[in-house]
Amino acid sequence: MRTGGRCKRRFNTIGHRAEVTSLAARYQLPAVYPYRQFAELGGLLSYGFDRLDNWRRAAGYVDRILKGEKPADRSGPSGDQI
């Protein structure tokens, strides 16, 4: 059993996600990926933020600021969103 493997992200892995997940599966390497799309292609799991949800929340914050709310007065995310 091999342990201690690590892949530094020096290239665009999201563009090659099908190849990356298939190689990890072929060589039976457990891998944790940064984005959900890798897990949807058969990767073991992804652990990271939801990019689409971040954009939605950002749009809501911008809307509230444009309506006059001060950025310092806005509330942060609730505990279940972290």
N, C-alpha and C. Protein backbone atom coordinates (compact mmCIF):
# COMPACT_ATOMS: atom_id res chain seq x y z
N MET A 1 0.84 -1.18 0.00
CA MET A 1 0.00 0.00 0.00
C MET A 1 0.88 1.24 0.00
N ARG A 2 0.58 2.13 -0.91
CA ARG A 2 1.34 3.38 -1.00
C ARG A 2 0.64 4.45 -0.17
N THR A 3 1.42 5.22 0.52
CA THR A 3 0.86 6.32 1.31
C THR A 3 1.72 7.56 1.10
N GLY A 4 1.18 8.68 1.50
CA GLY A 4 1.95 9.92 1.47
C GLY A 4 1.99 10.61 0.12
N GLY A 5 1.12 10.22 -0.80
CA GLY A 5 1.11 10.88 -2.10
C GLY A 5 0.53 12.27 -2.02
N ARG A 6 1.00 13.10 -2.91
CA ARG A 6 0.51 14.47 -2.91
C ARG A 6 0.69 15.05 -4.31
N CYS A 7 -0.26 15.80 -4.73
CA CYS A 7 -0.18 16.45 -6.04
C CYS A 7 -0.31 17.94 -5.84
N LYS A 8 0.73 18.67 -6.21
CA LYS A 8 0.64 20.12 -6.14
C LYS A 8 -0.09 20.63 -7.36
N ARG A 9 -0.92 21.57 -7.14
CA ARG A 9 -1.72 22.10 -8.24
C ARG A 9 -0.94 23.19 -8.95
N ARG A 10 -0.27 22.81 -10.03
CA ARG A 10 0.47 23.78 -10.82
C ARG A 10 -0.11 23.93 -12.22
N PHE A 11 -1.16 23.25 -12.50
CA PHE A 11 -1.80 23.36 -13.79
C PHE A 11 -3.31 23.34 -13.59
N ASN A 12 -4.03 23.61 -14.63
CA ASN A 12 -5.48 23.70 -14.56
C ASN A 12 -6.10 22.31 -14.50
N THR A 13 -6.35 21.80 -13.31
CA THR A 13 -6.91 20.46 -13.17
C THR A 13 -8.39 20.41 -13.52
N ILE A 14 -9.10 21.51 -13.39
CA ILE A 14 -10.54 21.48 -13.68
C ILE A 14 -10.77 21.22 -15.17
N GLY A 15 -9.87 21.66 -16.01
CA GLY A 15 -9.98 21.40 -17.44
C GLY A 15 -9.69 19.96 -17.81
N HIS A 16 -9.00 19.25 -16.94
CA HIS A 16 -8.62 17.86 -17.19
C HIS A 16 -9.24 16.93 -16.15
N ARG A 17 -10.39 17.31 -15.62
CA ARG A 17 -10.97 16.55 -14.51
C ARG A 17 -11.32 15.12 -14.88
N ALA A 18 -11.76 14.86 -16.10
CA ALA A 18 -12.08 13.48 -16.49
C ALA A 18 -10.83 12.62 -16.50
N GLU A 19 -9.72 13.16 -17.01
CA GLU A 19 -8.48 12.40 -17.04
C GLU A 19 -7.92 12.17 -15.63
N VAL A 20 -7.99 13.21 -14.81
CA VAL A 20 -7.45 13.11 -13.45
C VAL A 20 -8.22 12.05 -12.64
N THR A 21 -9.55 12.09 -12.70
CA THR A 21 -10.33 11.12 -11.93
C THR A 21 -10.19 9.71 -12.47
N SER A 22 -10.09 9.56 -13.78
CA SER A 22 -9.94 8.21 -14.33
C SER A 22 -8.57 7.62 -14.01
N LEU A 23 -7.53 8.44 -14.01
CA LEU A 23 -6.20 7.94 -13.64
C LEU A 23 -6.14 7.54 -12.17
N ALA A 24 -6.75 8.35 -11.32
CA ALA A 24 -6.77 8.01 -9.89
C ALA A 24 -7.52 6.70 -9.67
N ALA A 25 -8.61 6.49 -10.38
CA ALA A 25 -9.38 5.25 -10.25
C ALA A 25 -8.59 4.07 -10.80
N ARG A 26 -7.93 4.26 -11.94
CA ARG A 26 -7.17 3.16 -12.55
C ARG A 26 -6.06 2.68 -11.63
N TYR A 27 -5.37 3.60 -10.98
CA TYR A 27 -4.27 3.24 -10.10
C TYR A 27 -4.69 3.10 -8.64
N GLN A 28 -5.99 3.09 -8.40
CA GLN A 28 -6.58 2.89 -7.08
C GLN A 28 -6.01 3.85 -6.04
N LEU A 29 -5.97 5.11 -6.41
CA LEU A 29 -5.48 6.16 -5.52
C LEU A 29 -6.67 6.89 -4.90
N PRO A 30 -6.80 6.86 -3.60
CA PRO A 30 -7.86 7.67 -2.99
C PRO A 30 -7.50 9.15 -3.15
N ALA A 31 -8.43 9.92 -3.61
CA ALA A 31 -8.13 11.32 -3.87
C ALA A 31 -9.28 12.21 -3.42
N VAL A 32 -8.92 13.33 -2.86
CA VAL A 32 -9.88 14.35 -2.47
C VAL A 32 -9.68 15.51 -3.43
N TYR A 33 -10.76 15.94 -4.03
CA TYR A 33 -10.68 16.95 -5.09
C TYR A 33 -11.22 18.28 -4.61
N PRO A 34 -10.79 19.38 -5.26
CA PRO A 34 -11.21 20.70 -4.80
C PRO A 34 -12.61 21.12 -5.23
N TYR A 35 -13.16 20.47 -6.26
CA TYR A 35 -14.45 20.90 -6.78
C TYR A 35 -15.40 19.72 -6.94
N ARG A 36 -16.68 20.02 -6.87
CA ARG A 36 -17.74 19.02 -6.94
C ARG A 36 -17.73 18.24 -8.26
N GLN A 37 -17.32 18.88 -9.35
CA GLN A 37 -17.34 18.25 -10.66
C GLN A 37 -16.48 16.99 -10.69
N PHE A 38 -15.42 16.93 -9.91
CA PHE A 38 -14.57 15.75 -9.86
C PHE A 38 -15.33 14.57 -9.25
N ALA A 39 -16.05 14.82 -8.17
CA ALA A 39 -16.82 13.75 -7.53
C ALA A 39 -17.96 13.29 -8.43
N GLU A 40 -18.54 14.19 -9.19
CA GLU A 40 -19.60 13.82 -10.12
C GLU A 40 -19.10 12.90 -11.22
N LEU A 41 -17.80 12.97 -11.52
CA LEU A 41 -17.20 12.11 -12.55
C LEU A 41 -16.67 10.81 -11.97
N GLY A 42 -16.91 10.55 -10.70
CA GLY A 42 -16.48 9.29 -10.10
C GLY A 42 -15.36 9.42 -9.10
N GLY A 43 -14.94 10.64 -8.81
CA GLY A 43 -13.90 10.84 -7.80
C GLY A 43 -14.42 10.47 -6.42
N LEU A 44 -13.50 10.14 -5.52
CA LEU A 44 -13.87 9.69 -4.18
C LEU A 44 -14.73 10.73 -3.46
N LEU A 45 -14.24 11.96 -3.35
CA LEU A 45 -15.01 13.02 -2.72
C LEU A 45 -14.40 14.36 -3.05
N SER A 46 -15.18 15.39 -2.86
CA SER A 46 -14.66 16.75 -3.02
C SER A 46 -14.85 17.47 -1.69
N TYR A 47 -13.91 18.32 -1.38
CA TYR A 47 -13.96 19.07 -0.13
C TYR A 47 -13.58 20.50 -0.46
N GLY A 48 -14.55 21.33 -0.55
CA GLY A 48 -14.28 22.71 -0.88
C GLY A 48 -15.57 23.51 -0.84
N PHE A 49 -15.46 24.74 -1.19
CA PHE A 49 -16.62 25.61 -1.16
C PHE A 49 -17.47 25.41 -2.40
N ASP A 50 -18.69 25.83 -2.31
CA ASP A 50 -19.62 25.77 -3.43
C ASP A 50 -19.51 27.09 -4.19
N ARG A 51 -18.87 27.05 -5.34
CA ARG A 51 -18.60 28.27 -6.09
C ARG A 51 -19.88 28.99 -6.50
N LEU A 52 -20.86 28.25 -6.95
CA LEU A 52 -22.11 28.86 -7.38
C LEU A 52 -22.83 29.53 -6.22
N ASP A 53 -22.80 28.90 -5.04
CA ASP A 53 -23.43 29.49 -3.86
C ASP A 53 -22.70 30.77 -3.45
N ASN A 54 -21.40 30.81 -3.58
CA ASN A 54 -20.66 32.04 -3.27
C ASN A 54 -21.07 33.19 -4.17
N TRP A 55 -21.26 32.92 -5.46
CA TRP A 55 -21.70 33.96 -6.37
C TRP A 55 -23.10 34.44 -6.01
N ARG A 56 -23.99 33.52 -5.64
CA ARG A 56 -25.35 33.91 -5.26
C ARG A 56 -25.33 34.81 -4.02
N ARG A 57 -24.53 34.40 -3.03
CA ARG A 57 -24.47 35.22 -1.81
C ARG A 57 -23.84 36.57 -2.09
N ALA A 58 -22.83 36.61 -2.94
CA ALA A 58 -22.18 37.89 -3.28
C ALA A 58 -23.18 38.82 -3.94
N ALA A 59 -24.01 38.29 -4.83
CA ALA A 59 -25.03 39.11 -5.49
C ALA A 59 -26.01 39.69 -4.46
N GLY A 60 -26.37 38.90 -3.47
CA GLY A 60 -27.26 39.39 -2.43
C GLY A 60 -26.62 40.50 -1.60
N TYR A 61 -25.33 40.36 -1.30
CA TYR A 61 -24.62 41.40 -0.55
C TYR A 61 -24.53 42.69 -1.37
N VAL A 62 -24.22 42.57 -2.65
CA VAL A 62 -24.12 43.75 -3.50
C VAL A 62 -25.48 44.45 -3.58
N ASP A 63 -26.54 43.68 -3.71
CA ASP A 63 -27.88 44.25 -3.76
C ASP A 63 -28.20 45.04 -2.50
N ARG A 64 -27.86 44.47 -1.36
CA ARG A 64 -28.15 45.16 -0.09
C ARG A 64 -27.31 46.43 0.04
N ILE A 65 -26.06 46.40 -0.42
CA ILE A 65 -25.20 47.58 -0.35
C ILE A 65 -25.72 48.66 -1.28
N LEU A 66 -26.15 48.28 -2.48
CA LEU A 66 -26.69 49.27 -3.43
C LEU A 66 -28.00 49.88 -2.94
N LYS A 67 -28.70 49.17 -2.07
CA LYS A 67 -29.94 49.71 -1.50
C LYS A 67 -29.67 50.57 -0.27
N GLY A 68 -28.40 50.76 0.09
CA GLY A 68 -28.06 51.68 1.16
C GLY A 68 -27.50 51.07 2.43
N GLU A 69 -27.50 49.76 2.54
CA GLU A 69 -26.96 49.14 3.75
C GLU A 69 -25.43 49.29 3.76
N LYS A 70 -24.89 49.61 4.91
CA LYS A 70 -23.44 49.77 5.03
C LYS A 70 -22.80 48.38 5.13
N PRO A 71 -21.70 48.15 4.42
CA PRO A 71 -21.05 46.84 4.47
C PRO A 71 -20.67 46.41 5.89
N ALA A 72 -20.31 47.35 6.72
CA ALA A 72 -19.94 47.00 8.10
C ALA A 72 -21.12 46.52 8.93
N ASP A 73 -22.34 46.88 8.53
CA ASP A 73 -23.53 46.51 9.29
C ASP A 73 -24.15 45.19 8.84
N ARG A 74 -23.65 44.63 7.77
CA ARG A 74 -24.27 43.39 7.27
C ARG A 74 -23.90 42.22 8.18
N SER A 75 -24.81 41.26 8.22
CA SER A 75 -24.57 40.08 9.05
C SER A 75 -23.81 39.05 8.23
N GLY A 76 -23.08 38.19 8.91
CA GLY A 76 -22.33 37.13 8.25
C GLY A 76 -23.19 35.91 8.02
N PRO A 77 -22.60 34.86 7.44
CA PRO A 77 -23.36 33.64 7.19
C PRO A 77 -23.70 32.93 8.50
N SER A 78 -24.79 32.18 8.50
CA SER A 78 -25.14 31.43 9.68
C SER A 78 -24.24 30.19 9.80
N GLY A 79 -24.29 29.54 10.92
CA GLY A 79 -23.43 28.40 11.19
C GLY A 79 -23.60 27.24 10.22
N ASP A 80 -24.80 27.04 9.69
CA ASP A 80 -25.01 25.91 8.78
C ASP A 80 -24.51 26.20 7.37
N GLN A 81 -24.11 27.43 7.08
CA GLN A 81 -23.60 27.78 5.76
C GLN A 81 -22.08 27.74 5.70
N ILE A 82 -21.45 27.52 6.81
CA ILE A 82 -19.97 27.53 6.84
C ILE A 82 -19.46 26.13 6.62
